[in-house]
Amino acid sequence: MKVTQHLWFEKDMEAAIGFYTSLIPGSSVQWISPLLAETPSGPPGSVKVASFTLGDQRYMAIEAGPLDPFNHSFSIMVECETQGDLDRLWDALKAGGSVEQCGWLKDRWGLSWQIAPTRLGELMSDPDQAKVKRVTEAMLTMVKLDIAGLEAAAAGL
């Protein structure tokens, strides 16, 4: 069995997936194709479908006009090893979108992303519950996550 996430874009699907695949190493667009049959969303050729990967995750996308907008019930989480990588992704994805608490943002197409340091998962799974509490409290005060700030909270500074 294969599992693939599927995204529905009202418009600009090609621009969105081109942008996403340019940001995340190991990503690529496999194919983009118009649907040649008439669909409930439009005449032949007006609906596009694509296959792409972001890192090691498989996605399909469709551009077929308005249906349901993206919301928080689906997000893409990207774990970054360095603050530099986190900052680069954060800055690129927030352009034209909006930022939220705890490393969440919505890009210009309305898709929700969580940009988090890999270190956060390590700190949150520490057996020292006082440390986990400090890290959680620090994270809750952040918009873009800051590795140094999380490390300082873990150390009790």
Protein backbone atom coordinates (compact mmCIF):
# COMPACT_ATOMS: atom_id res chain seq x y z
CA MET A 1 0.00 0.00 0.00
CA LYS A 2 1.04 3.56 -0.63
CA VAL A 3 -0.19 6.58 1.28
CA THR A 4 -0.25 9.97 -0.43
CA GLN A 5 -1.49 13.29 0.92
CA HIS A 6 -3.80 15.17 -1.47
CA LEU A 7 -4.12 18.96 -1.65
CA TRP A 8 -6.94 20.86 -3.42
CA PHE A 9 -5.95 24.27 -4.77
CA GLU A 10 -8.46 26.79 -6.04
CA LYS A 11 -5.79 28.26 -8.33
CA ASP A 12 -2.02 28.61 -8.79
CA MET A 13 -1.27 24.94 -8.03
CA GLU A 14 1.79 24.87 -10.29
CA ALA A 15 3.26 27.97 -8.64
CA ALA A 16 2.61 26.56 -5.17
CA ILE A 17 4.17 23.15 -5.74
CA GLY A 18 7.08 24.68 -7.65
CA PHE A 19 7.69 26.96 -4.67
CA TYR A 20 7.38 24.18 -2.10
CA THR A 21 9.70 21.81 -3.95
CA SER A 22 12.31 24.58 -4.36
CA LEU A 23 12.43 25.09 -0.57
CA ILE A 24 12.79 21.56 0.76
CA PRO A 25 15.83 19.49 -0.21
CA GLY A 26 15.09 16.16 -1.85
CA SER A 27 11.78 17.40 -3.28
CA SER A 28 10.58 17.23 -6.87
CA VAL A 29 7.59 17.50 -9.17
CA GLN A 30 6.96 14.16 -10.88
CA TRP A 31 4.29 15.35 -13.31
CA ILE A 32 1.56 17.90 -13.97
CA SER A 33 -1.32 17.10 -16.27
CA PRO A 34 -4.64 18.65 -17.26
CA LEU A 35 -7.69 16.41 -16.91
CA LEU A 36 -8.90 15.83 -20.42
CA ALA A 37 -12.43 14.79 -19.50
CA GLU A 38 -15.14 17.18 -18.39
CA THR A 39 -15.42 17.31 -14.60
CA PRO A 40 -17.89 18.88 -12.18
CA SER A 41 -15.23 21.59 -11.73
CA GLY A 42 -14.94 22.55 -15.38
CA PRO A 43 -14.58 21.66 -19.04
CA PRO A 44 -11.84 19.37 -20.39
CA GLY A 45 -8.36 20.78 -19.69
CA SER A 46 -9.51 23.28 -17.05
CA VAL A 47 -8.59 21.06 -14.11
CA LYS A 48 -4.93 20.17 -13.44
CA VAL A 49 -3.53 17.31 -11.38
CA ALA A 50 0.06 16.92 -10.19
CA SER A 51 2.28 14.48 -8.35
CA PHE A 52 5.18 15.72 -6.25
CA THR A 53 7.33 14.95 -3.22
CA LEU A 54 8.40 17.14 -0.34
CA GLY A 55 11.42 15.50 1.22
CA ASP A 56 10.36 11.89 1.71
CA GLN A 57 6.58 12.56 1.60
CA ARG A 58 4.38 11.92 -1.43
CA TYR A 59 1.67 14.37 -2.49
CA MET A 60 -0.94 14.74 -5.17
CA ALA A 61 -2.52 18.09 -5.94
CA ILE A 62 -5.49 19.26 -7.93
CA GLU A 63 -6.34 22.72 -9.19
CA ALA A 64 -10.08 22.69 -9.66
CA GLY A 65 -11.54 25.95 -8.44
CA PRO A 66 -13.05 26.72 -5.05
CA LEU A 67 -14.26 23.93 -2.80
CA ASP A 68 -13.09 23.91 0.80
CA PRO A 69 -10.22 26.22 1.80
CA PHE A 70 -7.20 24.84 3.61
CA ASN A 71 -7.50 24.90 7.41
CA HIS A 72 -5.59 23.76 10.50
CA SER A 73 -6.95 20.23 10.31
CA PHE A 74 -4.17 19.53 7.81
CA SER A 75 -0.69 20.98 8.04
CA ILE A 76 2.75 20.12 6.79
CA MET A 77 5.39 19.88 9.50
CA VAL A 78 9.01 20.39 8.54
CA GLU A 79 11.69 19.62 11.11
CA CYS A 80 14.90 21.62 10.68
CA GLU A 81 18.31 20.73 12.07
CA THR A 82 19.59 24.30 12.28
CA GLN A 83 18.19 27.73 13.10
CA GLY A 84 19.44 28.89 9.70
CA ASP A 85 17.31 26.30 7.89
CA LEU A 86 14.32 27.10 10.12
CA ASP A 87 14.70 30.84 9.47
CA ARG A 88 15.03 30.32 5.69
CA LEU A 89 11.86 28.21 5.46
CA TRP A 90 9.92 30.44 7.85
CA ASP A 91 10.77 33.60 5.94
CA ALA A 92 9.99 32.09 2.54
CA LEU A 93 6.69 30.48 3.56
CA LYS A 94 5.35 33.45 5.53
CA ALA A 95 5.74 35.83 2.56
CA GLY A 96 2.20 36.76 1.55
CA GLY A 97 0.77 34.58 4.31
CA SER A 98 0.36 34.94 8.05
CA VAL A 99 2.27 33.80 11.12
CA GLU A 100 0.83 32.13 14.19
CA GLN A 101 2.02 30.91 17.59
CA CYS A 102 4.32 27.96 18.27
CA GLY A 103 5.97 27.73 14.86
CA TRP A 104 2.75 27.67 12.80
CA LEU A 105 2.15 29.79 9.74
CA LYS A 106 -0.12 29.89 6.71
CA ASP A 107 1.46 30.44 3.32
CA ARG A 108 0.03 32.68 0.60
CA TRP A 109 -2.19 29.81 -0.62
CA GLY A 110 -3.62 29.32 2.88
CA LEU A 111 -1.85 26.01 3.57
CA SER A 112 -0.80 25.57 7.22
CA TRP A 113 2.80 24.71 8.04
CA GLN A 114 4.62 23.89 11.25
CA ILE A 115 8.30 24.83 11.02
CA ALA A 116 10.03 23.28 14.01
CA PRO A 117 13.55 22.39 15.04
CA THR A 118 14.34 18.69 15.30
CA ARG A 119 15.70 19.55 18.75
CA LEU A 120 12.20 20.41 19.98
CA GLY A 121 11.08 16.78 19.73
CA GLU A 122 14.17 15.68 21.59
CA LEU A 123 13.59 18.20 24.37
CA MET A 124 9.86 17.37 24.61
CA SER A 125 10.61 13.67 25.04
CA ASP A 126 13.13 14.18 27.86
CA PRO A 127 12.33 12.05 30.94
CA ASP A 128 12.77 15.16 33.16
CA GLN A 129 9.20 16.49 33.27
CA ALA A 130 10.30 19.81 34.81
CA LYS A 131 12.54 20.36 31.77
CA VAL A 132 9.68 19.44 29.40
CA LYS A 133 7.42 21.92 31.22
CA ARG A 134 9.98 24.73 30.86
CA VAL A 135 10.48 23.98 27.16
CA THR A 136 6.71 23.87 26.59
CA GLU A 137 6.20 27.18 28.39
CA ALA A 138 8.99 28.79 26.34
CA MET A 139 7.57 27.42 23.07
CA LEU A 140 4.13 28.81 23.90
CA THR A 141 5.59 32.34 24.03
CA MET A 142 7.24 32.05 20.61
CA VAL A 143 5.87 32.71 17.16
CA LYS A 144 8.86 31.49 15.10
CA LEU A 145 10.60 28.83 17.17
CA ASP A 146 14.08 29.66 18.43
CA ILE A 147 16.46 26.79 19.17
CA ALA A 148 18.65 28.83 21.54
CA GLY A 149 15.58 29.95 23.51
CA LEU A 150 14.32 26.39 23.79
CA GLU A 151 17.75 25.18 24.89
CA ALA A 152 17.93 27.95 27.50
CA ALA A 153 14.51 26.97 28.85
CA ALA A 154 15.59 23.33 29.01
CA ALA A 155 18.64 24.34 31.02
CA GLY A 156 16.51 26.42 33.37
CA LEU A 157 18.07 29.74 32.33
